[in-house]
């Protein structure tokens, strides 16, 4: 056996040096979480680099949508940044990350609103848009009103503005004007 092999087997040499032990401690997952809790951005980058692919693939299997998986991935690591101090080490860091990811993925799926519509559903949604003739009439009326406003007194302009541009009823306008008029 070579002298180097003997040194390594007996626990001496580079593998047992204090520098190596410190480097191993700095890079361990739990140490990264402690450093993140203390605000160490380089530790956050290291943890992200170590787990982003694993967590992303897990999320992609859960949500089956690349964009949503990317969004949730960002949320997971943002939560890690904000709540690293709450990590209690009852499980491994990877288990903790995947649990956060699962919870966020399920929540994102519950709140998802971008589901595609089929033709049958689309045909049942009423079209509330004005037809071209009505649209043109409204546009012409609005332009005529805009051109006429400067010729009105300030009080009348205020009433027209409240009625046509803010959609207020006559009663709401009267109440509004009565409350702002001086006795």
Protein backbone atom coordinates (compact mmCIF):
# COMPACT_ATOMS: atom_id res chain seq x y z
CA UNK A 1 0.00 0.00 0.00
CA UNK A 2 1.30 3.47 -0.81
CA UNK A 3 2.08 5.93 1.99
CA UNK A 4 -0.68 8.29 0.72
CA UNK A 5 -3.30 5.53 0.82
CA UNK A 6 -2.26 4.62 4.35
CA UNK A 7 -2.56 8.24 5.47
CA UNK A 8 -6.04 8.60 3.96
CA UNK A 9 -7.31 5.30 5.33
CA UNK A 10 -6.20 6.11 8.87
CA UNK A 11 -8.06 9.43 8.75
CA UNK A 12 -5.14 11.74 8.26
CA UNK A 13 -4.10 13.84 5.32
CA UNK A 14 -6.09 16.25 3.18
CA UNK A 15 -9.46 14.58 3.80
CA UNK A 16 -9.22 15.10 7.54
CA UNK A 17 -7.69 18.58 7.49
CA UNK A 18 -9.46 21.40 9.33
CA UNK A 19 -9.72 23.33 6.04
CA UNK A 20 -11.53 20.45 4.35
CA UNK A 21 -13.88 20.01 7.30
CA UNK A 22 -14.67 23.72 7.28
CA UNK A 23 -15.32 23.67 3.53
CA UNK A 24 -17.60 20.64 3.92
CA UNK A 25 -19.51 22.38 6.75
CA UNK A 26 -19.88 25.58 4.70
CA UNK A 27 -21.32 23.68 1.78
CA UNK A 28 -23.61 21.30 3.68
CA UNK A 29 -27.29 21.96 3.14
CA UNK A 30 -28.01 22.75 6.77
CA UNK A 31 -25.07 25.13 6.92
CA UNK A 32 -26.34 26.86 3.78
CA UNK A 33 -29.75 27.30 5.41
CA UNK A 34 -28.14 28.79 8.53
CA UNK A 35 -26.14 31.19 6.36
CA UNK A 36 -29.25 32.10 4.35
CA UNK A 37 -31.09 32.82 7.61
CA UNK A 38 -28.24 35.22 8.42
CA UNK A 39 -28.73 36.98 5.07
CA UNK A 40 -25.85 35.40 3.12
CA UNK A 41 -26.71 35.86 -0.57
CA UNK A 42 -23.87 33.61 -1.76
CA UNK A 43 -25.33 30.78 0.33
CA UNK A 44 -28.70 31.38 -1.33
CA UNK A 45 -27.08 31.24 -4.77
CA UNK A 46 -25.32 27.99 -3.81
CA UNK A 47 -28.53 26.39 -2.54
CA UNK A 48 -30.41 27.52 -5.65
CA UNK A 49 -27.69 26.13 -7.93
CA UNK A 50 -27.73 22.85 -6.04
CA UNK A 51 -31.52 22.29 -6.03
CA UNK A 52 -33.13 24.33 -8.81
CA UNK A 53 -33.15 21.50 -11.36
CA UNK A 54 -34.41 18.93 -8.86
CA UNK A 55 -37.19 21.20 -7.58
CA UNK A 56 -38.10 22.40 -11.10
CA UNK A 57 -38.47 18.83 -12.40
CA UNK A 58 -40.60 17.93 -9.36
CA UNK A 59 -42.80 20.95 -9.99
CA UNK A 60 -43.07 20.23 -13.70
CA UNK A 61 -44.35 16.73 -12.94
CA UNK A 62 -46.90 18.19 -10.51
CA UNK A 63 -48.24 21.06 -12.62
CA UNK A 64 -47.44 19.90 -16.17
CA UNK A 65 -46.82 23.49 -17.29
CA UNK A 66 -43.31 24.88 -17.81
CA UNK A 67 -44.19 28.52 -17.16
CA UNK A 68 -46.13 27.71 -14.01
CA UNK A 69 -43.33 25.43 -12.78
CA UNK A 70 -40.84 28.30 -13.26
CA UNK A 71 -43.08 30.73 -11.39
CA UNK A 72 -43.57 28.33 -8.50
CA UNK A 73 -39.83 27.59 -8.43
CA UNK A 74 -39.16 31.30 -7.89
CA UNK A 75 -41.74 31.41 -5.12
CA UNK A 76 -40.19 28.38 -3.41
CA UNK A 77 -36.73 29.89 -3.26
CA UNK A 78 -38.10 33.29 -2.30
CA UNK A 79 -39.83 31.60 0.64
CA UNK A 80 -36.58 29.87 1.56
CA UNK A 81 -34.87 33.27 1.59
CA UNK A 82 -37.58 34.79 3.79
CA UNK A 83 -38.12 31.84 6.13
CA UNK A 84 -34.77 30.05 6.34
CA UNK A 85 -34.64 30.69 10.08
CA UNK A 86 -37.79 28.59 10.52
CA UNK A 87 -36.05 25.45 9.19
CA UNK A 88 -36.03 23.04 12.15
CA UNK A 89 -33.92 20.27 10.57
CA UNK A 90 -36.56 17.61 11.30
CA UNK A 91 -35.98 16.49 7.72
CA UNK A 92 -33.31 17.02 5.11
CA UNK A 93 -33.15 20.34 3.31
CA UNK A 94 -34.16 18.65 0.05
CA UNK A 95 -37.28 17.21 1.69
CA UNK A 96 -38.13 20.64 3.10
CA UNK A 97 -37.70 22.25 -0.33
CA UNK A 98 -39.86 19.63 -2.04
CA UNK A 99 -42.56 20.03 0.62
CA UNK A 100 -42.62 23.79 0.07
CA UNK A 101 -42.71 23.21 -3.68
CA UNK A 102 -45.59 20.74 -3.43
CA UNK A 103 -47.65 23.09 -1.26
CA UNK A 104 -47.06 26.01 -3.62
CA UNK A 105 -47.79 23.91 -6.71
CA UNK A 106 -51.10 22.68 -5.31
CA UNK A 107 -52.03 26.23 -4.34
CA UNK A 108 -51.09 27.53 -7.79
CA UNK A 109 -53.22 24.87 -9.45
CA UNK A 110 -56.22 25.77 -7.29
CA UNK A 111 -55.91 29.42 -8.29
CA UNK A 112 -55.08 28.79 -11.92
CA UNK A 113 -57.26 30.78 -14.29
CA UNK A 114 -55.56 30.22 -17.63
CA UNK A 115 -57.30 26.97 -18.51
CA UNK A 116 -58.04 26.61 -22.19
CA UNK A 117 -61.64 26.74 -23.38
CA UNK A 118 -63.05 24.30 -25.86
CA UNK A 119 -65.24 25.39 -28.79
CA UNK A 120 -68.47 24.34 -27.07
CA UNK A 121 -67.73 26.51 -24.04
CA UNK A 122 -66.60 29.45 -26.14
CA UNK A 123 -69.83 29.39 -28.15
CA UNK A 124 -71.92 29.72 -24.97
CA UNK A 125 -70.15 32.89 -23.77
CA UNK A 126 -72.19 35.90 -24.83
CA UNK A 127 -70.46 38.62 -26.85
CA UNK A 128 -71.24 41.87 -25.04
CA UNK A 129 -69.27 44.08 -27.42
CA UNK A 130 -71.18 46.66 -29.40
CA UNK A 131 -71.71 46.05 -33.07
CA UNK A 132 -69.86 48.49 -35.39
CA UNK A 133 -72.91 50.74 -35.88
CA UNK A 134 -73.49 51.20 -32.12
CA UNK A 135 -69.77 51.68 -31.53
CA UNK A 136 -69.61 54.44 -34.15
CA UNK A 137 -72.69 56.16 -32.66
CA UNK A 138 -71.14 56.15 -29.19
CA UNK A 139 -67.86 57.44 -30.54
CA UNK A 140 -69.57 60.29 -32.41
CA UNK A 141 -71.66 61.24 -29.36
CA UNK A 142 -68.57 61.28 -27.15
CA UNK A 143 -66.71 63.52 -29.61
CA UNK A 144 -69.66 65.94 -29.85
CA UNK A 145 -69.82 66.07 -26.06
CA UNK A 146 -66.08 66.78 -25.80
CA UNK A 147 -66.37 69.64 -28.29
CA UNK A 148 -69.38 71.14 -26.48
CA UNK A 149 -67.97 71.01 -22.94
CA UNK A 150 -65.78 74.14 -23.19
CA UNK A 151 -68.85 76.22 -24.04
CA UNK A 152 -70.65 75.26 -20.81
CA UNK A 153 -70.36 76.96 -17.43
CA UNK A 154 -68.04 75.26 -14.90
CA UNK A 155 -71.05 74.00 -12.91
CA UNK A 156 -72.66 72.42 -15.97
CA UNK A 157 -69.32 70.91 -17.08
CA UNK A 158 -69.02 69.32 -13.64
CA UNK A 159 -72.49 67.73 -13.93
CA UNK A 160 -71.78 66.41 -17.45
CA UNK A 161 -68.39 65.10 -16.34
CA UNK A 162 -69.91 63.24 -13.38
CA UNK A 163 -72.74 61.80 -15.48
CA UNK A 164 -70.98 60.81 -18.68
CA UNK A 165 -67.40 60.19 -17.68
CA UNK A 166 -67.90 58.83 -14.18
CA UNK A 167 -71.26 57.10 -14.68
CA UNK A 168 -72.97 58.80 -11.73
CA UNK A 169 -76.75 58.85 -11.41
CA UNK A 170 -78.72 62.11 -11.07
CA UNK A 171 -79.22 61.41 -7.36
CA UNK A 172 -75.48 60.75 -6.83
CA UNK A 173 -74.61 63.96 -8.67
CA UNK A 174 -77.08 65.98 -6.60
CA UNK A 175 -75.70 64.51 -3.37
CA UNK A 176 -72.13 65.12 -4.47
CA UNK A 177 -72.78 68.70 -5.53
CA UNK A 178 -74.84 69.49 -2.41
CA UNK A 179 -72.07 68.27 -0.13
CA UNK A 180 -69.43 70.41 -1.89
CA UNK A 181 -71.45 73.64 -2.24
CA UNK A 182 -70.94 76.38 0.29
CA UNK A 183 -74.07 77.76 2.01
